[in-house]
Amino acid sequence: MDTFQPSTYFHIFNHANGDEDLFRTQGNYRYFLQQYHKHIDKIADTYSFCLMPNHFHLLVRIKPVEELILHLPGFKNLEGVSNLLSKQFSNFFNGYTKAFNKMYDRRGSLFLKNFKKKSIVTENYLIDCILYIHLNPVKHGFTLDPKDWEWSSFHNFHQERAKVLNVLFGNEKKYFQSHDDKRKSFTDYAKLESYFLD
């Protein structure tokens, strides 16, 4: 997996251990996002996200060096920055796990051991990543339309990231159309899959 670098986009994702869920109630989703912003907003800007019962996807852009220096007390040089940033995410996941375990009287790790991260270096990959994240609930059969999935940035990306939207998609209409076109291809694939596997 790629190492964290300042001023770089990353797709971050992880899954619950085994058959468990990361989120059992609406309150779990809310708490996850609350703690996420508490730990991560100072080191990265979040461009898109999607939380599903047993896994999540994030698209973030790590802040520039100047801002990282302000928020990471242990920051000395670029050599150790990836470890410091990874530690920030790990602290967040560990904190959520502790609260979750206490609430549900469970023990042990909640997430798979190492969260995955992949750098995004091209505009096309950035577009694909946004579409993939927003359409993940469709892909996994949690909903038929991304607008019906509450725990996603699909609903406000066009308002909160208007500048990026215009660069990547052209305008708001094309943003929604891109999702719809990709959603239809997911639906077609699901039909084919059920035809061949039934």
Protein backbone atom coordinates (compact mmCIF):
# COMPACT_ATOMS: atom_id res chain seq x y z
CA MET A 1 0.00 0.00 0.00
CA ASP A 2 1.08 3.58 -0.64
CA THR A 3 2.58 5.73 2.08
CA PHE A 4 0.91 8.97 3.11
CA GLN A 5 2.31 12.15 1.56
CA PRO A 6 1.30 15.79 2.10
CA SER A 7 -0.99 17.45 -0.48
CA THR A 8 -1.97 14.07 -1.95
CA TYR A 9 -5.36 12.42 -2.45
CA PHE A 10 -5.90 8.99 -0.89
CA HIS A 11 -8.66 6.43 -1.07
CA ILE A 12 -8.95 4.87 2.41
CA PHE A 13 -11.09 1.86 3.21
CA ASN A 14 -11.56 -0.89 5.74
CA HIS A 15 -13.93 -3.68 6.73
CA ALA A 16 -15.24 -5.15 9.95
CA ASN A 17 -13.69 -8.33 11.30
CA GLY A 18 -15.43 -11.48 10.07
CA ASP A 19 -19.20 -11.21 9.77
CA GLU A 20 -19.52 -8.35 12.24
CA ASP A 21 -20.95 -4.91 11.53
CA LEU A 22 -19.19 -1.63 12.26
CA PHE A 23 -22.52 0.12 12.70
CA ARG A 24 -25.55 -1.38 14.40
CA THR A 25 -27.59 1.78 14.96
CA GLN A 26 -27.96 5.27 13.51
CA GLY A 27 -26.14 6.49 16.61
CA ASN A 28 -23.08 4.40 15.68
CA TYR A 29 -22.87 6.11 12.27
CA ARG A 30 -23.19 9.54 13.88
CA TYR A 31 -20.56 8.78 16.52
CA PHE A 32 -18.13 7.44 13.89
CA LEU A 33 -18.41 10.66 11.89
CA GLN A 34 -18.14 12.83 15.00
CA GLN A 35 -14.93 11.10 16.07
CA TYR A 36 -13.64 11.02 12.51
CA HIS A 37 -13.86 14.81 12.22
CA LYS A 38 -12.31 15.23 15.66
CA HIS A 39 -9.23 13.18 14.71
CA ILE A 40 -8.86 13.64 10.96
CA ASP A 41 -9.99 17.17 10.03
CA LYS A 42 -6.71 18.63 11.26
CA ILE A 43 -4.60 16.44 8.97
CA ALA A 44 -6.80 15.92 5.90
CA ASP A 45 -9.71 17.38 3.94
CA THR A 46 -12.47 14.88 3.24
CA TYR A 47 -13.85 14.96 -0.30
CA SER A 48 -16.17 11.99 -0.24
CA PHE A 49 -17.16 9.18 2.09
CA CYS A 50 -19.58 6.33 2.42
CA LEU A 51 -20.32 4.31 5.54
CA MET A 52 -22.04 0.93 5.18
CA PRO A 53 -22.96 -1.58 7.87
CA ASN A 54 -19.76 -3.62 7.59
CA HIS A 55 -17.25 -1.36 5.81
CA PHE A 56 -16.45 2.21 4.77
CA HIS A 57 -14.71 4.22 2.07
CA LEU A 58 -13.09 7.67 2.34
CA LEU A 59 -11.52 10.01 -0.17
CA VAL A 60 -9.22 12.49 1.54
CA ARG A 61 -6.53 14.95 0.58
CA ILE A 62 -3.71 15.16 3.09
CA LYS A 63 -3.04 18.74 4.11
CA PRO A 64 0.08 20.61 2.97
CA VAL A 65 3.26 20.43 5.05
CA GLU A 66 2.71 23.89 6.58
CA GLU A 67 -0.63 22.82 8.07
CA LEU A 68 0.64 19.43 9.20
CA ILE A 69 3.41 21.13 11.19
CA LEU A 70 0.74 23.05 13.12
CA HIS A 71 -1.35 19.99 13.96
CA LEU A 72 1.19 17.19 14.42
CA PRO A 73 3.34 17.81 17.49
CA GLY A 74 5.72 15.00 16.54
CA PHE A 75 6.31 16.35 13.02
CA LYS A 76 10.00 16.99 12.41
CA ASN A 77 10.54 16.24 8.74
CA LEU A 78 8.94 14.54 5.76
CA GLU A 79 10.71 11.27 6.47
CA GLY A 80 8.36 10.26 9.29
CA VAL A 81 5.19 11.97 8.11
CA SER A 82 3.50 8.82 6.79
CA ASN A 83 3.84 7.07 10.16
CA LEU A 84 2.45 10.10 12.00
CA LEU A 85 -0.55 10.31 9.67
CA SER A 86 -1.18 6.56 9.87
CA LYS A 87 -1.03 6.84 13.65
CA GLN A 88 -3.69 9.55 13.58
CA PHE A 89 -6.04 7.25 11.64
CA SER A 90 -5.19 4.30 13.90
CA ASN A 91 -5.98 6.37 17.00
CA PHE A 92 -9.35 7.22 15.50
CA PHE A 93 -10.17 3.57 14.67
CA ASN A 94 -8.99 2.39 18.10
CA GLY A 95 -11.05 5.04 19.86
CA TYR A 96 -14.18 4.07 17.94
CA THR A 97 -13.54 0.39 18.69
CA LYS A 98 -13.20 1.05 22.44
CA ALA A 99 -16.48 2.97 22.54
CA PHE A 100 -18.22 0.32 20.40
CA ASN A 101 -16.91 -2.51 22.59
CA LYS A 102 -18.06 -0.77 25.73
CA MET A 103 -21.53 -0.10 24.31
CA TYR A 104 -22.06 -3.69 23.14
CA ASP A 105 -20.07 -5.48 25.83
CA ARG A 106 -17.72 -7.04 23.29
CA ARG A 107 -13.96 -7.55 23.20
CA GLY A 108 -11.20 -7.52 20.63
CA SER A 109 -10.58 -5.71 17.38
CA LEU A 110 -13.52 -4.46 15.37
CA PHE A 111 -11.74 -3.57 12.12
CA LEU A 112 -9.46 -5.68 9.95
CA LYS A 113 -5.91 -5.23 11.25
CA ASN A 114 -4.52 -2.75 8.72
CA PHE A 115 -6.68 -0.17 6.99
CA LYS A 116 -6.06 0.16 3.25
CA LYS A 117 -4.94 3.35 1.54
CA LYS A 118 -4.16 4.08 -2.07
CA SER A 119 -2.85 7.33 -3.53
CA ILE A 120 -4.73 8.95 -6.40
CA VAL A 121 -2.45 10.48 -8.97
CA THR A 122 -4.68 11.11 -12.01
CA GLU A 123 -7.84 13.12 -12.55
CA ASN A 124 -9.62 10.14 -14.11
CA TYR A 125 -8.88 7.99 -11.08
CA LEU A 126 -10.15 10.78 -8.83
CA ILE A 127 -13.45 10.89 -10.74
CA ASP A 128 -13.74 7.09 -10.67
CA CYS A 129 -13.01 7.04 -6.95
CA ILE A 130 -15.77 9.56 -6.17
CA LEU A 131 -18.27 7.58 -8.25
CA TYR A 132 -17.13 4.28 -6.74
CA ILE A 133 -17.48 5.56 -3.17
CA HIS A 134 -20.91 7.11 -3.69
CA LEU A 135 -22.21 4.04 -5.53
CA ASN A 136 -20.80 1.47 -3.13
CA PRO A 137 -24.16 0.92 -1.37
CA VAL A 138 -25.65 0.13 -4.80
CA LYS A 139 -22.79 -2.20 -5.66
CA HIS A 140 -23.30 -4.15 -2.42
CA GLY A 141 -27.08 -4.23 -2.60
CA PHE A 142 -27.82 -1.95 0.36
CA THR A 143 -29.90 0.34 -1.85
CA LEU A 144 -30.88 0.78 -5.49
CA ASP A 145 -30.07 4.48 -5.68
CA PRO A 146 -27.28 6.46 -3.94
CA LYS A 147 -29.69 9.24 -3.05
CA ASP A 148 -31.48 6.80 -0.73
CA TRP A 149 -28.36 6.02 1.30
CA GLU A 150 -28.07 8.45 4.19
CA TRP A 151 -24.46 7.89 5.25
CA SER A 152 -22.68 9.25 2.20
CA SER A 153 -21.32 12.54 0.86
CA PHE A 154 -23.32 12.02 -2.35
CA HIS A 155 -26.02 14.36 -1.01
CA ASN A 156 -23.84 17.40 -0.36
CA PHE A 157 -20.71 16.95 -2.50
CA HIS A 158 -22.14 19.29 -5.15
CA GLN A 159 -22.53 22.02 -2.53
CA GLU A 160 -19.48 21.51 -0.32
CA ARG A 161 -17.05 20.71 -3.15
CA ALA A 162 -18.48 22.85 -5.94
CA LYS A 163 -15.06 23.95 -7.21
CA VAL A 164 -13.79 20.36 -7.47
CA LEU A 165 -17.09 19.24 -8.99
CA ASN A 166 -16.81 21.84 -11.76
CA VAL A 167 -13.23 20.82 -12.55
CA LEU A 168 -13.95 17.08 -12.58
CA PHE A 169 -17.52 16.83 -13.85
CA GLY A 170 -18.13 20.17 -15.59
CA ASN A 171 -21.30 21.10 -13.72
CA GLU A 172 -23.82 19.81 -11.21
CA LYS A 173 -26.05 18.22 -13.85
CA LYS A 174 -23.15 16.17 -15.24
CA TYR A 175 -22.16 15.16 -11.70
CA PHE A 176 -25.54 13.58 -11.07
CA GLN A 177 -25.69 12.15 -14.59
CA SER A 178 -22.31 10.44 -14.13
CA HIS A 179 -23.61 8.71 -11.02
CA ASP A 180 -26.81 7.69 -12.76
CA ASP A 181 -24.96 6.25 -15.76
CA LYS A 182 -22.66 4.23 -13.51
CA ARG A 183 -25.57 3.13 -11.31
CA LYS A 184 -27.37 1.73 -14.34
CA SER A 185 -24.31 -0.28 -15.27
CA PHE A 186 -24.20 -1.70 -11.72
CA THR A 187 -27.87 -2.65 -12.08
CA ASP A 188 -27.23 -4.32 -15.45
CA TYR A 189 -24.30 -6.22 -13.99
CA ALA A 190 -26.42 -7.43 -11.06
CA LYS A 191 -29.06 -8.70 -13.48
CA LEU A 192 -26.45 -10.58 -15.49
CA GLU A 193 -24.86 -11.99 -12.35
CA SER A 194 -28.19 -13.27 -11.02
CA TYR A 195 -29.02 -14.74 -14.45
CA PHE A 196 -25.79 -16.71 -14.61
CA LEU A 197 -25.62 -17.73 -10.94
CA ASP A 198 -29.26 -18.69 -10.30
